[in-house]
Amino acid sequence: MSDLRTTLVGYVTYRGREGHWSFLLHRITGLGVVLFLTIHIIDIAFVYFNPTLFMKAIEIYRSTLFGIGEIFLVFCVFYHGVNGLRIAYLDLFKPQGWHIESQRRSARWTLGIALILWLPSALWMLRNLLMHNYGFFGG
């Protein structure tokens, strides 16, 4: 257990700036996507094995908490995808780009592109969440 604690403390206390934060965000968003896929596979299996439990799961997914979680899931998908493309590009086509200044610039661009892709969908999803759960916007 001390090895895990040492690793987690090292992740949080290391001050590697953009490269470090990019690394952590890539790991966290990847875990978010894997968590969603696991839950999705399990709940879809309920359709065949226990349809009543499936319908209860759908009701839970319609809650505000899960709606907010979906908004963050979309960010996870966008960031993890854009950062994965950045890593693949650097590994395959521009290995000389793995120096500090280039990494700082590309990490900022990656976050910016992910946010630009995410914000319109987040606003749309938030609008739908407010409309369907609270009756805002005439819903």
Protein backbone atom coordinates (compact mmCIF):
# COMPACT_ATOMS: atom_id res chain seq x y z
CA MET A 1 0.00 0.00 0.00
CA SER A 2 2.93 2.35 0.62
CA ASP A 3 3.95 2.03 -3.05
CA LEU A 4 0.52 3.23 -4.15
CA ARG A 5 0.65 6.07 -1.63
CA THR A 6 4.13 7.06 -2.82
CA THR A 7 2.96 7.03 -6.43
CA LEU A 8 -0.12 9.14 -5.74
CA VAL A 9 1.81 11.63 -3.61
CA GLY A 10 4.42 11.85 -6.37
CA TYR A 11 1.75 12.52 -9.00
CA VAL A 12 0.24 15.34 -6.99
CA THR A 13 3.41 16.99 -5.66
CA TYR A 14 5.59 16.84 -8.78
CA ARG A 15 5.75 20.23 -10.44
CA GLY A 16 6.36 19.38 -14.06
CA ARG A 17 4.06 22.11 -15.36
CA GLU A 18 2.15 21.51 -18.58
CA GLY A 19 3.67 18.13 -19.39
CA HIS A 20 2.88 16.77 -15.95
CA TRP A 21 -0.67 18.11 -15.96
CA SER A 22 -1.20 16.80 -19.47
CA PHE A 23 -0.02 13.36 -18.35
CA LEU A 24 -2.33 13.36 -15.31
CA LEU A 25 -5.32 14.66 -17.26
CA HIS A 26 -4.76 12.02 -19.94
CA ARG A 27 -4.77 9.29 -17.27
CA ILE A 28 -7.82 10.67 -15.45
CA THR A 29 -9.86 11.15 -18.62
CA GLY A 30 -8.92 7.65 -19.77
CA LEU A 31 -10.13 6.23 -16.47
CA GLY A 32 -13.35 8.21 -16.81
CA VAL A 33 -14.02 6.72 -20.24
CA VAL A 34 -13.21 3.19 -19.03
CA LEU A 35 -15.52 3.63 -16.02
CA PHE A 36 -18.35 4.74 -18.31
CA LEU A 37 -17.80 1.84 -20.71
CA THR A 38 -17.82 -0.65 -17.84
CA ILE A 39 -21.07 0.72 -16.42
CA HIS A 40 -22.58 0.84 -19.91
CA ILE A 41 -21.72 -2.79 -20.68
CA ILE A 42 -23.16 -3.94 -17.35
CA ASP A 43 -26.39 -1.96 -17.66
CA ILE A 44 -26.98 -3.06 -21.25
CA ALA A 45 -26.59 -6.66 -20.09
CA PHE A 46 -29.53 -6.02 -17.75
CA VAL A 47 -31.81 -5.81 -20.81
CA TYR A 48 -31.49 -9.57 -21.28
CA PHE A 49 -31.01 -10.77 -17.72
CA ASN A 50 -33.19 -8.43 -15.68
CA PRO A 51 -35.32 -5.94 -17.67
CA THR A 52 -36.81 -4.45 -14.50
CA LEU A 53 -33.35 -3.60 -13.19
CA PHE A 54 -32.51 -2.09 -16.60
CA MET A 55 -35.51 0.25 -16.37
CA LYS A 56 -34.48 1.28 -12.84
CA ALA A 57 -30.98 2.02 -14.14
CA ILE A 58 -32.45 4.19 -16.91
CA GLU A 59 -34.41 6.15 -14.31
CA ILE A 60 -31.23 6.73 -12.32
CA TYR A 61 -29.43 7.87 -15.48
CA ARG A 62 -32.09 10.52 -16.04
CA SER A 63 -31.15 12.22 -12.77
CA THR A 64 -29.36 15.54 -12.61
CA LEU A 65 -26.23 14.00 -11.10
CA PHE A 66 -25.81 11.61 -14.01
CA GLY A 67 -26.56 14.42 -16.47
CA ILE A 68 -23.70 16.44 -15.04
CA GLY A 69 -21.53 13.31 -15.17
CA GLU A 70 -22.34 12.93 -18.87
CA ILE A 71 -21.18 16.47 -19.50
CA PHE A 72 -17.83 15.66 -17.90
CA LEU A 73 -17.72 12.35 -19.77
CA VAL A 74 -17.88 14.25 -23.05
CA PHE A 75 -14.91 16.37 -21.91
CA CYS A 76 -13.04 13.15 -21.03
CA VAL A 77 -13.65 11.76 -24.51
CA PHE A 78 -12.61 14.98 -26.27
CA TYR A 79 -9.48 15.60 -24.19
CA HIS A 80 -8.33 11.99 -24.21
CA GLY A 81 -8.86 11.77 -27.97
CA VAL A 82 -7.12 15.05 -28.84
CA ASN A 83 -4.21 14.33 -26.50
CA GLY A 84 -3.91 10.80 -27.90
CA LEU A 85 -3.69 12.26 -31.42
CA ARG A 86 -1.00 14.68 -30.20
CA ILE A 87 1.02 11.85 -28.68
CA ALA A 88 0.64 9.67 -31.78
CA TYR A 89 1.67 12.55 -34.06
CA LEU A 90 4.78 13.25 -32.01
CA ASP A 91 5.72 9.58 -31.79
CA LEU A 92 5.15 8.77 -35.45
CA PHE A 93 5.97 11.92 -37.40
CA LYS A 94 7.85 14.41 -35.24
CA PRO A 95 9.91 12.72 -32.53
CA GLN A 96 12.13 15.81 -32.28
CA GLY A 97 9.06 17.59 -30.87
CA TRP A 98 9.48 15.89 -27.50
CA HIS A 99 11.35 18.79 -25.92
CA ILE A 100 10.11 20.98 -23.10
CA GLU A 101 9.13 24.13 -24.97
CA SER A 102 7.33 22.21 -27.70
CA GLN A 103 5.53 20.12 -25.08
CA ARG A 104 4.35 23.20 -23.23
CA ARG A 105 2.98 24.70 -26.40
CA SER A 106 1.34 21.51 -27.65
CA ALA A 107 -0.19 20.72 -24.22
CA ARG A 108 -1.80 24.17 -24.18
CA TRP A 109 -3.07 23.70 -27.72
CA THR A 110 -4.46 20.29 -26.82
CA LEU A 111 -6.39 21.65 -23.87
CA GLY A 112 -7.62 24.59 -25.94
CA ILE A 113 -8.85 22.39 -28.79
CA ALA A 114 -10.54 20.01 -26.35
CA LEU A 115 -12.31 22.92 -24.64
CA ILE A 116 -13.39 24.43 -27.97
CA LEU A 117 -14.87 21.07 -28.98
CA TRP A 118 -16.42 20.47 -25.56
CA LEU A 119 -18.02 23.82 -24.70
CA PRO A 120 -20.78 23.82 -27.35
CA SER A 121 -21.78 20.27 -26.52
CA ALA A 122 -21.58 20.97 -22.76
CA LEU A 123 -23.85 23.99 -23.13
CA TRP A 124 -26.31 22.01 -25.25
CA MET A 125 -26.33 19.12 -22.78
CA LEU A 126 -26.75 21.52 -19.83
CA ARG A 127 -29.64 23.21 -21.63
CA ASN A 128 -31.32 19.84 -22.20
CA LEU A 129 -30.68 18.82 -18.60
CA LEU A 130 -32.32 22.00 -17.30
CA MET A 131 -35.17 21.74 -19.78
CA HIS A 132 -36.08 18.10 -19.09
CA ASN A 133 -35.40 17.99 -15.34
CA TYR A 134 -36.53 21.44 -14.26
CA GLY A 135 -38.79 22.76 -17.03
CA PHE A 136 -36.53 25.65 -18.04
CA PHE A 137 -36.65 26.97 -21.61
CA GLY A 138 -40.30 25.99 -22.04
CA GLY A 139 -39.64 22.22 -21.84
